[in-house]
Protein backbone atom coordinates (compact mmCIF):
# COMPACT_ATOMS: atom_id res chain seq x y z
CA MET A 1 -27.69 -100.79 -24.68
CA ALA A 2 -31.27 -101.77 -24.35
CA ASN A 3 -32.57 -103.00 -21.04
CA THR A 4 -32.93 -106.64 -21.50
CA THR A 5 -33.64 -107.37 -17.80
CA THR A 6 -37.31 -106.11 -17.41
CA ARG A 7 -39.59 -106.28 -14.31
CA ARG A 8 -40.99 -109.22 -15.70
CA ASN A 9 -37.51 -110.85 -15.84
CA TRP A 10 -37.40 -110.39 -12.32
CA ILE A 11 -40.71 -111.94 -11.39
CA GLN A 12 -39.40 -114.98 -13.40
CA SER A 13 -36.58 -115.44 -11.46
CA SER A 14 -37.30 -114.33 -7.94
CA GLY A 15 -39.71 -117.42 -7.19
CA ALA A 16 -41.70 -115.11 -4.84
CA VAL A 17 -45.22 -115.53 -5.92
CA SER A 18 -46.65 -112.18 -4.32
CA ALA A 19 -43.87 -110.32 -5.82
CA ALA A 20 -44.51 -111.55 -9.26
CA ALA A 21 -48.06 -110.81 -8.99
CA LEU A 22 -47.14 -107.25 -8.01
CA LEU A 23 -44.58 -106.64 -10.46
CA ALA A 24 -46.71 -108.49 -13.26
CA ALA A 25 -49.19 -105.43 -12.91
CA ALA A 26 -46.59 -102.88 -12.77
CA GLY A 27 -45.38 -104.01 -16.10
CA ALA A 28 -48.92 -104.62 -17.69
CA ARG A 29 -49.05 -100.93 -19.01
CA PRO A 30 -45.62 -100.50 -20.85
CA MET A 31 -45.45 -96.84 -22.04
CA PRO A 32 -42.36 -94.94 -23.36
CA ALA A 33 -41.06 -93.09 -20.26
CA ALA A 34 -40.32 -89.85 -22.85
CA ALA A 35 -44.08 -89.79 -23.83
CA ALA A 36 -45.62 -89.02 -20.35
CA ALA A 37 -45.89 -85.14 -19.89
CA GLU A 38 -44.69 -83.50 -16.66
CA PRO A 39 -47.83 -82.85 -14.94
CA PRO A 40 -48.51 -79.43 -13.00
CA PRO A 41 -47.12 -78.77 -9.38
CA ASP A 42 -50.83 -78.61 -7.94
CA VAL A 43 -49.99 -81.19 -5.34
CA TYR A 44 -47.52 -79.12 -3.84
CA THR A 45 -49.26 -75.52 -4.74
CA ARG A 46 -52.39 -76.39 -3.46
CA ILE A 47 -51.14 -76.62 0.24
CA GLY A 48 -48.54 -73.58 -0.11
CA VAL A 49 -45.75 -75.14 -1.17
CA LYS A 50 -43.51 -74.01 -4.24
CA PRO A 51 -41.51 -76.19 -6.23
CA PHE A 52 -38.01 -74.74 -7.09
CA ILE A 53 -35.11 -75.70 -9.54
CA ASN A 54 -32.86 -77.78 -7.49
CA CYS A 55 -29.20 -77.18 -7.98
CA THR A 56 -28.28 -78.65 -4.49
CA ALA A 57 -28.16 -82.19 -5.95
CA THR A 58 -29.35 -84.82 -3.85
CA LEU A 59 -29.70 -83.20 -0.40
CA THR A 60 -32.48 -84.96 1.68
CA ARG A 61 -34.03 -81.53 2.83
CA ASN A 62 -34.43 -80.57 -0.76
CA GLY A 63 -36.17 -83.72 -1.81
CA GLY A 64 -33.24 -85.57 -3.08
CA SER A 65 -32.67 -86.36 -6.81
CA ARG A 66 -35.16 -87.03 -9.85
CA LEU A 67 -36.80 -90.16 -9.73
CA LEU A 68 -36.38 -92.12 -13.05
CA PRO A 69 -39.35 -92.17 -15.21
CA GLU A 70 -39.18 -95.98 -14.95
CA VAL A 71 -39.43 -95.90 -11.24
CA ILE A 72 -42.42 -93.65 -11.23
CA GLU A 73 -43.93 -95.88 -13.46
CA ALA A 74 -43.05 -99.07 -11.16
CA VAL A 75 -44.06 -97.09 -8.09
CA GLU A 76 -47.30 -96.19 -9.72
CA HIS A 77 -48.26 -99.68 -10.70
CA ALA A 78 -47.04 -101.05 -7.27
CA ALA A 79 -49.57 -99.10 -5.31
CA HIS A 80 -52.34 -101.06 -7.18
CA TYR A 81 -51.58 -104.49 -5.15
CA HIS A 82 -50.99 -105.93 -1.76
CA VAL A 83 -48.29 -108.62 -1.20
CA SER A 84 -46.39 -110.19 1.50
CA LEU A 85 -43.61 -107.76 2.49
CA ASN A 86 -41.43 -110.59 3.85
CA LEU A 87 -41.71 -112.11 0.51
CA LEU A 88 -41.07 -109.00 -1.24
CA ASN A 89 -38.11 -108.10 0.89
CA GLU A 90 -36.89 -111.35 0.12
CA ALA A 91 -37.32 -110.94 -3.67
CA ALA A 92 -36.01 -107.39 -3.82
CA GLY A 93 -32.85 -108.48 -1.63
CA LYS A 94 -32.24 -111.28 -4.27
CA ARG A 95 -32.61 -109.38 -7.35
CA ILE A 96 -30.55 -106.29 -6.21
CA SER A 97 -27.48 -108.70 -5.24
CA GLU A 98 -27.77 -110.72 -8.44
CA LEU A 99 -27.56 -107.19 -10.45
CA LEU A 100 -24.60 -105.81 -8.36
CA GLU A 101 -22.95 -108.93 -8.07
CA VAL A 102 -22.62 -109.28 -4.26
CA PRO A 103 -23.49 -112.09 -1.78
CA TRP A 104 -26.72 -110.45 -0.51
CA ALA A 105 -28.94 -106.96 -0.13
CA MET A 106 -31.45 -105.34 1.50
CA VAL A 107 -33.63 -102.35 1.29
CA ALA A 108 -33.70 -99.93 3.84
CA SER A 109 -35.74 -96.73 4.07
CA GLY A 110 -32.67 -94.56 3.43
CA SER A 111 -28.89 -95.00 3.74
CA ALA A 112 -29.13 -93.76 7.54
CA ALA A 113 -31.36 -96.36 8.41
CA GLY A 114 -29.01 -99.02 6.72
CA LEU A 115 -26.47 -97.93 8.92
CA ALA A 116 -28.77 -98.44 12.21
CA HIS A 117 -29.58 -101.97 10.66
CA ALA A 118 -26.11 -102.86 10.05
CA THR A 119 -25.19 -101.86 13.61
CA SER A 120 -28.06 -103.63 15.09
CA ALA A 121 -26.80 -106.94 13.25
CA CYS A 122 -23.24 -106.49 14.32
CA VAL A 123 -24.41 -105.70 17.79
CA ALA A 124 -27.38 -108.03 18.48
CA GLY A 125 -26.92 -110.47 15.87
CA ALA A 126 -29.96 -112.91 15.43
CA ASN A 127 -30.54 -113.25 19.14
CA PRO A 128 -34.44 -112.57 19.68
CA GLU A 129 -33.90 -111.72 23.12
CA TRP A 130 -31.00 -109.14 22.54
CA ARG A 131 -33.12 -107.82 19.32
CA GLN A 132 -35.81 -106.88 21.65
CA GLN A 133 -33.50 -105.39 24.22
CA LEU A 134 -31.98 -102.86 21.77
CA PRO A 135 -30.90 -100.07 22.41
CA ASN A 136 -29.88 -101.38 26.05
CA LEU A 137 -26.79 -103.13 25.18
CA ARG A 138 -26.40 -104.70 28.49
CA GLY A 139 -24.28 -107.93 27.83
CA MET A 140 -23.70 -107.27 24.01
CA LYS A 141 -20.74 -105.63 22.48
CA ASN A 142 -21.15 -101.87 22.76
CA GLU A 143 -18.14 -100.03 21.09
CA VAL A 144 -17.76 -99.07 17.22
CA ILE A 145 -14.11 -97.85 16.28
CA MET A 146 -14.06 -94.97 13.55
CA PRO A 147 -11.43 -92.97 12.05
CA LYS A 148 -11.83 -89.56 13.29
CA TRP A 149 -11.91 -88.04 9.71
CA SER A 150 -15.05 -90.11 9.13
CA ARG A 151 -16.99 -88.60 11.97
CA ASN A 152 -20.13 -86.82 10.64
CA GLN A 153 -23.60 -85.83 11.42
CA TYR A 154 -24.94 -89.22 9.72
CA ASP A 155 -23.18 -91.55 12.25
CA HIS A 156 -25.98 -90.55 14.77
CA SER A 157 -27.69 -93.54 13.09
CA ILE A 158 -24.88 -96.01 14.20
CA ARG A 159 -25.36 -94.31 17.93
CA MET A 160 -28.81 -94.56 18.01
CA VAL A 161 -28.46 -98.26 18.52
CA GLY A 162 -26.76 -97.28 21.82
CA VAL A 163 -23.03 -97.96 20.82
CA ARG A 164 -20.17 -95.59 21.98
CA ILE A 165 -18.10 -94.61 19.00
CA VAL A 166 -14.26 -94.66 19.41
CA GLU A 167 -11.97 -92.48 17.16
CA VAL A 168 -8.77 -93.11 15.92
CA GLU A 169 -6.13 -91.20 13.97
CA THR A 170 -3.78 -93.69 13.15
CA VAL A 171 -3.18 -97.59 12.69
CA ALA A 172 -1.44 -98.07 15.97
CA GLU A 173 -4.52 -96.30 17.58
CA PHE A 174 -6.87 -98.56 15.61
CA ARG A 175 -4.84 -101.89 17.02
CA ALA A 176 -4.83 -100.24 20.59
CA ALA A 177 -8.65 -99.56 20.65
CA ILE A 178 -9.69 -103.14 19.75
CA ASN A 179 -10.98 -104.93 22.75
CA PRO A 180 -13.90 -107.43 23.54
CA HIS A 181 -16.29 -104.74 23.72
CA THR A 182 -15.79 -104.12 19.94
CA ALA A 183 -18.85 -104.49 17.70
CA MET A 184 -17.91 -103.16 14.23
CA VAL A 185 -15.34 -100.73 12.60
CA ALA A 186 -17.19 -97.96 10.56
CA MET A 187 -15.99 -95.19 8.13
CA LEU A 188 -16.99 -93.23 5.19
CA GLY A 189 -16.76 -94.25 1.64
CA ASP A 190 -13.36 -92.77 0.21
CA ARG A 191 -13.18 -93.44 -3.25
CA PHE A 192 -12.63 -90.12 -4.58
CA GLY A 193 -10.39 -88.87 -1.62
CA ASN A 194 -7.38 -89.98 0.13
CA ALA A 195 -8.23 -89.65 3.87
CA ARG A 196 -5.78 -92.18 6.09
CA PRO A 197 -6.15 -94.52 7.87
CA ASN A 198 -8.48 -95.96 5.02
CA LEU A 199 -10.14 -99.15 4.43
CA GLU A 200 -7.35 -100.68 2.96
CA ASP A 201 -5.07 -99.82 6.26
CA LEU A 202 -8.01 -101.24 8.78
CA ALA A 203 -10.20 -103.76 7.02
CA PRO A 204 -7.21 -106.32 7.44
CA ILE A 205 -6.67 -105.75 10.84
CA ALA A 206 -10.44 -106.17 11.80
CA ASN A 207 -10.71 -109.22 9.61
CA GLU A 208 -7.93 -110.87 11.86
CA HIS A 209 -10.18 -110.13 14.57
CA GLY A 210 -13.35 -111.17 13.22
CA ILE A 211 -14.55 -107.54 13.41
CA PRO A 212 -17.18 -106.62 10.57
CA VAL A 213 -16.50 -103.53 8.91
CA LEU A 214 -19.19 -101.19 7.43
CA VAL A 215 -18.88 -98.49 4.96
CA ASP A 216 -21.11 -95.49 4.48
CA ALA A 217 -21.42 -95.12 1.06
CA ALA A 218 -24.56 -93.28 0.77
CA ALA A 219 -23.55 -90.15 -1.75
CA ASP A 220 -21.51 -93.04 -3.83
CA PHE A 221 -23.12 -94.91 -6.56
CA PRO A 222 -22.36 -99.02 -6.83
CA ILE A 223 -19.67 -100.19 -8.84
CA ILE A 224 -19.35 -104.24 -10.15
CA PRO A 225 -17.39 -105.25 -8.76
CA ASN A 226 -17.98 -103.74 -5.71
CA PRO A 227 -14.49 -101.71 -4.58
CA TYR A 228 -15.14 -101.72 -1.03
CA LEU A 229 -16.17 -105.34 -0.37
CA LYS A 230 -12.88 -106.35 -2.65
CA ALA A 231 -11.07 -104.06 -0.10
CA GLY A 232 -12.14 -105.82 2.79
CA ALA A 233 -15.51 -104.35 4.17
CA ASP A 234 -18.29 -106.78 4.99
CA LEU A 235 -21.33 -104.30 4.96
CA VAL A 236 -21.59 -101.42 2.50
CA VAL A 237 -24.63 -98.80 2.30
CA TYR A 238 -25.70 -96.81 -0.63
CA SER A 239 -28.51 -94.25 -0.58
CA GLY A 240 -31.06 -95.13 -3.03
CA GLY A 241 -32.47 -91.24 -3.47
CA LYS A 242 -29.48 -90.32 -4.82
CA ILE A 243 -27.26 -91.13 -8.09
CA LEU A 244 -29.51 -94.26 -8.28
CA ARG A 245 -32.52 -91.97 -8.65
CA GLY A 246 -34.72 -94.42 -6.91
CA PRO A 247 -37.18 -93.23 -4.01
CA GLN A 248 -35.78 -90.79 -2.07
CA SER A 249 -36.62 -92.56 1.23
CA SER A 250 -34.61 -95.87 0.20
CA GLY A 251 -31.47 -97.31 0.71
CA ILE A 252 -29.22 -100.31 -0.13
CA LEU A 253 -27.42 -102.18 2.54
CA LEU A 254 -25.35 -105.22 1.08
CA GLY A 255 -22.53 -107.25 1.44
CA ARG A 256 -22.03 -110.43 3.88
CA GLU A 257 -25.12 -112.69 3.55
CA ASP A 258 -25.46 -113.53 7.04
CA LEU A 259 -24.88 -110.28 8.35
CA VAL A 260 -27.34 -108.60 5.93
CA ARG A 261 -29.96 -111.23 6.44
CA THR A 262 -29.55 -110.56 10.26
CA ALA A 263 -29.77 -106.81 9.60
CA ALA A 264 -33.09 -107.42 7.71
CA MET A 265 -34.34 -109.71 10.72
CA ASN A 266 -34.13 -106.22 13.02
CA ALA A 267 -36.01 -104.14 10.51
CA ALA A 268 -39.50 -104.05 9.60
CA PRO A 269 -42.18 -105.49 8.96
CA ASN A 270 -40.85 -107.47 12.13
CA ALA A 271 -41.46 -106.13 15.72
CA GLY A 272 -38.17 -104.53 17.43
CA PHE A 273 -35.77 -101.91 17.37
CA GLY A 274 -36.01 -101.40 13.45
CA ARG A 275 -39.61 -101.41 13.19
CA PRO A 276 -40.12 -97.68 13.00
CA MET A 277 -37.96 -97.47 9.88
CA LYS A 278 -40.43 -99.02 7.33
CA VAL A 279 -40.04 -99.64 3.67
CA SER A 280 -43.26 -99.66 1.69
CA LYS A 281 -43.84 -102.20 -1.12
CA GLU A 282 -43.87 -99.22 -3.72
CA GLU A 283 -40.28 -98.09 -2.44
CA LEU A 284 -39.15 -101.92 -2.52
CA VAL A 285 -40.36 -102.08 -6.42
CA GLY A 286 -39.00 -98.65 -6.95
CA ILE A 287 -35.24 -98.81 -5.82
CA THR A 288 -35.29 -102.56 -7.37
CA THR A 289 -36.29 -101.00 -10.73
CA ALA A 290 -33.58 -98.07 -10.12
CA VAL A 291 -30.88 -100.88 -9.65
CA GLU A 292 -31.99 -102.62 -12.91
CA VAL A 293 -31.67 -99.41 -14.79
CA TRP A 294 -28.60 -98.29 -13.58
CA VAL A 295 -26.99 -101.78 -14.49
CA LYS A 296 -28.82 -102.35 -17.78
CA GLN A 297 -29.10 -98.84 -19.33
CA ARG A 298 -27.21 -95.75 -17.55
CA ASP A 299 -23.84 -94.85 -18.52
CA ILE A 300 -22.47 -92.27 -15.75
CA ASN A 301 -19.96 -91.10 -18.12
CA ARG A 302 -22.39 -90.13 -20.80
CA GLU A 303 -24.23 -88.23 -17.93
CA TYR A 304 -21.10 -86.49 -16.92
CA GLU A 305 -20.78 -85.19 -20.38
CA GLU A 306 -24.03 -83.91 -20.61
CA TRP A 307 -23.52 -82.12 -17.25
CA LYS A 308 -20.35 -80.51 -18.89
CA GLY A 309 -22.16 -79.10 -21.66
CA TRP A 310 -24.66 -77.52 -18.96
CA TYR A 311 -21.73 -76.08 -17.04
CA GLU A 312 -20.36 -74.67 -20.15
CA HIS A 313 -23.60 -72.83 -20.98
CA ILE A 314 -23.66 -71.50 -17.19
CA SER A 315 -19.96 -70.32 -17.41
CA ARG A 316 -20.49 -68.29 -20.58
CA GLU A 317 -23.79 -66.59 -19.22
CA VAL A 318 -22.23 -65.48 -15.88
CA ARG A 319 -18.77 -64.73 -16.90
CA GLN A 320 -20.16 -62.01 -19.13
CA VAL A 321 -20.31 -59.90 -15.83
CA ALA A 322 -17.14 -58.23 -14.82
CA GLY A 323 -15.36 -59.84 -11.85
CA VAL A 324 -17.07 -63.28 -12.29
CA GLU A 325 -15.01 -66.47 -12.56
CA THR A 326 -16.13 -70.36 -12.77
CA ARG A 327 -14.61 -73.54 -12.16
CA VAL A 328 -15.45 -77.21 -12.51
CA HIS A 329 -14.40 -79.45 -10.22
CA GLY A 330 -13.96 -83.22 -10.44
CA PRO A 331 -16.11 -85.64 -7.88
CA THR A 332 -15.35 -85.77 -4.29
CA ARG A 333 -16.34 -87.97 -1.57
CA GLY A 334 -19.32 -85.88 -0.70
CA GLY A 335 -20.54 -86.24 -4.18
CA PRO A 336 -19.48 -88.50 -7.07
CA PHE A 337 -20.19 -86.03 -9.86
CA PRO A 338 -18.57 -82.85 -11.11
CA THR A 339 -19.55 -79.37 -9.51
CA MET A 340 -18.97 -75.94 -10.73
CA ARG A 341 -17.84 -72.88 -8.74
CA ILE A 342 -19.19 -69.45 -9.49
CA SER A 343 -16.94 -66.62 -7.57
CA TRP A 344 -17.05 -63.02 -7.93
CA ASP A 345 -14.87 -59.91 -6.85
CA ARG A 346 -16.43 -58.60 -4.00
CA ASP A 347 -15.49 -55.19 -4.51
CA LYS A 348 -17.03 -55.12 -8.23
CA ILE A 349 -20.18 -57.29 -6.63
CA GLY A 350 -21.46 -56.58 -3.28
CA LEU A 351 -23.55 -59.63 -2.39
CA SER A 352 -22.61 -62.37 -0.29
CA ALA A 353 -23.75 -66.14 -1.28
CA SER A 354 -26.43 -65.74 1.30
CA GLU A 355 -28.17 -62.69 -0.60
CA ILE A 356 -27.94 -64.49 -3.90
CA HIS A 357 -29.55 -67.49 -2.11
CA GLN A 358 -32.36 -65.41 -1.18
CA ARG A 359 -32.93 -63.61 -4.40
CA LEU A 360 -32.71 -67.07 -6.48
CA LEU A 361 -35.09 -68.66 -4.27
CA ALA A 362 -37.70 -65.64 -4.29
CA GLY A 363 -37.44 -65.38 -8.45
CA GLU A 364 -39.61 -66.81 -11.01
CA PRO A 365 -38.86 -69.57 -11.72
CA SER A 366 -37.55 -70.17 -7.92
CA ILE A 367 -33.99 -71.73 -7.72
CA MET A 368 -32.35 -73.43 -4.75
CA ILE A 369 -28.68 -73.41 -3.84
CA SER A 370 -27.12 -74.87 -0.97
CA ASP A 371 -24.65 -71.98 -0.06
CA ASN A 372 -26.03 -69.55 2.45
CA GLY A 373 -23.12 -67.79 3.99
CA ASP A 374 -21.26 -64.58 3.77
CA GLN A 375 -18.45 -66.17 1.17
CA SER A 376 -18.48 -64.74 -2.40
CA ASN A 377 -19.01 -67.74 -4.17
CA VAL A 378 -21.82 -70.39 -4.75
CA VAL A 379 -21.83 -73.90 -6.30
CA ILE A 380 -23.99 -75.50 -8.44
CA ARG A 381 -24.65 -79.20 -8.26
CA PRO A 382 -26.15 -80.99 -11.36
CA VAL A 383 -27.72 -84.28 -10.35
CA ALA A 384 -31.22 -83.07 -9.82
CA LEU A 385 -31.55 -80.58 -12.53
CA LYS A 386 -34.07 -81.20 -15.67
CA PRO A 387 -32.97 -80.97 -18.97
CA GLU A 388 -32.93 -77.37 -19.98
CA GLU A 389 -33.25 -75.94 -16.58
CA TYR A 390 -29.59 -75.16 -16.37
CA LYS A 391 -30.48 -72.61 -18.81
CA ALA A 392 -33.15 -70.66 -16.46
CA VAL A 393 -30.10 -71.09 -13.81
CA ALA A 394 -27.75 -69.21 -15.95
CA LYS A 395 -29.85 -66.28 -16.79
CA ALA A 396 -31.13 -65.92 -13.36
CA ILE A 397 -27.60 -65.84 -11.50
CA ARG A 398 -26.36 -63.68 -14.44
CA SER A 399 -28.97 -61.20 -13.94
CA ILE A 400 -28.56 -60.91 -10.20
CA LEU A 401 -24.83 -60.43 -10.46
CA ALA A 402 -25.13 -57.98 -13.29
CA ALA A 403 -27.77 -55.99 -10.99
CA ALA A 404 -25.54 -56.20 -8.06
CA PRO A 405 -24.44 -53.08 -6.28
CA ARG A 406 -20.59 -52.26 -6.34
CA GLY A 407 -19.23 -53.56 -2.99
CA ASP A 408 -16.59 -50.76 -2.93
CA ALA A 409 -19.59 -48.58 -3.06
CA LEU A 410 -21.38 -49.97 -0.22
CA PRO A 411 -21.31 -47.92 3.17
CA ALA A 412 -18.88 -48.77 5.76
CA PRO A 413 -20.54 -50.23 8.86
CA SER A 414 -21.24 -47.59 11.51
CA LYS A 415 -19.13 -47.25 14.63
CA PRO A 416 -20.17 -49.78 17.46
CA ALA A 417 -22.70 -48.57 19.99
CA ALA A 418 -20.47 -50.02 22.76
CA ASP A 419 -17.39 -52.30 23.11
CA ILE A 420 -18.78 -56.03 23.64
CA SER A 421 -15.57 -57.12 24.65
CA GLY A 422 -16.03 -59.58 28.09
CA HIS A 423 -18.30 -62.44 29.44
CA TRP A 424 -21.48 -62.72 28.69
CA ASP A 425 -24.39 -64.73 29.95
CA VAL A 426 -26.86 -66.15 27.36
CA GLU A 427 -30.36 -67.40 27.76
CA ILE A 428 -31.87 -69.17 24.75
CA GLU A 429 -35.77 -69.91 24.49
CA PHE A 430 -36.07 -72.73 21.88
CA LEU A 431 -39.39 -73.79 20.34
CA ARG A 432 -39.59 -75.94 23.40
CA GLY A 433 -37.37 -75.45 26.36
CA ARG A 434 -34.69 -73.05 27.34
CA GLY A 435 -30.87 -73.37 27.41
CA ARG A 436 -28.08 -71.35 29.06
CA HIS A 437 -24.86 -70.69 27.31
CA GLN A 438 -21.57 -68.21 27.52
CA LEU A 439 -20.03 -66.10 25.26
CA PHE A 440 -16.45 -64.67 25.77
CA LEU A 441 -16.21 -61.77 23.17
CA ASP A 442 -13.27 -59.77 22.23
CA ALA A 443 -14.14 -56.93 19.85
CA GLU A 444 -11.77 -54.77 17.79
CA ALA A 445 -13.57 -51.67 15.81
CA ASN A 446 -16.62 -53.90 13.92
CA ASP A 447 -14.95 -57.31 14.51
CA VAL A 448 -15.60 -59.71 16.99
CA VAL A 449 -13.89 -62.92 17.90
CA GLY A 450 -14.33 -65.09 20.83
CA THR A 451 -15.57 -68.44 22.16
CA HIS A 452 -18.96 -69.82 22.54
CA ILE A 453 -19.73 -72.27 25.48
CA GLY A 454 -23.05 -74.54 25.14
CA THR A 455 -24.54 -76.71 27.65
CA ARG A 456 -22.37 -79.82 26.24
CA THR A 457 -19.39 -78.31 24.38
CA THR A 458 -17.35 -75.38 23.03
CA GLY A 459 -16.55 -73.88 19.91
CA GLU A 460 -15.16 -70.59 18.10
CA LEU A 461 -17.17 -67.67 17.26
CA THR A 462 -16.87 -64.73 15.10
CA GLY A 463 -19.11 -61.72 13.90
CA THR A 464 -19.73 -58.27 13.63
CA VAL A 465 -20.87 -55.05 15.29
CA ASP A 466 -22.79 -52.34 13.01
CA GLY A 467 -23.78 -49.56 15.35
CA GLY A 468 -26.31 -51.20 17.74
CA LYS A 469 -26.79 -54.26 15.69
CA VAL A 470 -24.94 -57.36 16.40
CA SER A 471 -24.31 -60.55 14.31
CA LEU A 472 -22.29 -63.45 15.63
CA ASN A 473 -22.14 -66.79 14.18
CA SER A 474 -20.45 -70.01 15.92
CA ILE A 475 -20.04 -73.62 15.45
CA LEU A 476 -20.51 -76.18 18.47
CA PRO A 477 -18.69 -79.64 17.69
CA MET A 478 -21.03 -82.38 18.96
CA GLU A 479 -20.18 -85.95 18.45
CA GLY A 480 -20.04 -86.08 14.65
CA SER A 481 -21.95 -83.00 13.92
CA ARG A 482 -21.12 -79.35 13.88
CA LEU A 483 -24.24 -77.19 15.31
CA ARG A 484 -24.57 -73.88 13.82
CA TYR A 485 -25.48 -70.90 15.62
CA GLY A 486 -26.32 -67.53 13.85
CA PHE A 487 -27.19 -64.92 16.64
CA THR A 488 -28.79 -61.54 15.30
CA GLY A 489 -29.92 -58.73 17.30
CA VAL A 490 -29.47 -55.24 19.12
CA LEU A 491 -27.06 -53.96 21.46
CA GLN A 492 -28.31 -51.74 24.26
CA ASP A 493 -25.92 -50.94 27.20
CA ASP A 494 -25.14 -54.30 29.05
CA LYS A 495 -27.86 -56.24 27.13
CA MET A 496 -27.86 -57.88 23.42
CA GLN A 497 -31.07 -59.85 22.18
CA GLY A 498 -32.61 -60.91 18.86
CA ASP A 499 -33.05 -63.97 16.69
CA LEU A 500 -31.23 -67.12 16.86
CA ASP A 501 -30.95 -69.11 13.33
CA LEU A 502 -30.17 -72.61 14.29
CA ASN A 503 -29.95 -73.81 10.34
CA GLU A 504 -31.69 -76.91 9.98
CA TYR A 505 -33.52 -76.53 13.37
CA PRO A 506 -36.29 -74.48 14.23
CA PRO A 507 -35.54 -70.52 14.96
CA ALA A 508 -34.87 -69.39 18.65
CA ARG A 509 -34.69 -66.29 20.67
CA TRP A 510 -31.86 -65.39 22.64
CA VAL A 511 -31.02 -62.60 25.65
CA ALA A 512 -27.45 -62.06 26.69
CA GLN A 513 -26.47 -60.10 29.89
CA ARG A 514 -23.07 -58.81 30.14
CA ARG A 515 -21.31 -60.44 33.48
CA ARG A 516 -19.62 -57.56 35.29
CA SER A 517 -16.62 -58.85 37.53
CA ALA A 518 -16.52 -58.33 41.26
């Protein structure tokens, strides 16, 4: 279906003169998107960064999704003009709300910022003194109720406003948790899952008490009519840089007009708590263009069919290696698109996911996958792949698997240099600062299990000892996050030391001393 809603239509309908001037310029040089040749990656390589083929879908750390050609053009045109950001915010919110058929919308600097703005609206409202007081919540409501299954690392964006999250696991616990301090109910979007209690269970109760409900649907895509608003949510957040293929640092908060407008008051360019979460005029135009294309041109089912063809090609290639299997999985809450799992027999292919990850990233072309552990499988996600890149992915994975040593021929680990069972005091030297942790270890032959006690929380630990080499991995749950620690090093008598991999955080060094009982 042709896109009959152009940027010029937006200009004519918005009533915002400044936005009209900007967007008229954006549409002044129409050019078929397919005609633009892809530029060389010099903008990255000249400063020492090598681009890669992205099999991780829309992960922010890997650059999100691919910008639509129409968005690239709109962003470039928007950069040539200046407008009032307040007028442009209003025009963009109006246009997006019309396109998605919702009461109102605002553009945020990513979905995480949308969560923070939504929370500030529910806590401080439009009271200018309270807005300036954030995140000091003295005199305000300061609790957000959330189903335990919805806790995740991104709910830090809600907590940063100063609220305390109250976890519930049943409807009865939810009813009991509601009190005069409750500012909001928040949960993840669950359109592809079956978690309970869900939105349909909790929204009617929250509505009875006049408590706003926020849904974090960052990884999802907007549907008309909006299923979350229909089920009783007041506010919904979407990422602009995932399925919508808008600017990576953009997001959309939509829903009840009074709450969305209040959230916008607490955001940039206005002074206050939300000022650091700035959205540029280019991003405002870019995400609005992405929504226009989504509604008027794109067909997600057609994209699913295209990705299915890519998977079939990859599967045919890699299954030529003995011991390799593939399976396609449907959309989930974490990604509304099909994924393909490639698994292998470890006896026939003696490589871990981490080793394949390293080989793919070091190859030519460089390929990024998100799997980086000891498991015998990797997952391919299609959203950020360019057409034809799936062929390079298939060829590279097949080549690595075919050249891998047999797992049953790899040398057995050496006898441990010492039994590391017992209580260890650990000192960690971070990039800045130090931490004192404890390990309680139980070793049997080369395998290790135990408990890792951090400065604030405790988690389980597993690992191995190969001669004098030690490898220990643990996860410390902290609020909605799972902090990963990867200790590698050497063992000598009653001392261990080495490097500490902190996943997304800078690496550190560690030294452990065995604690002797009296």
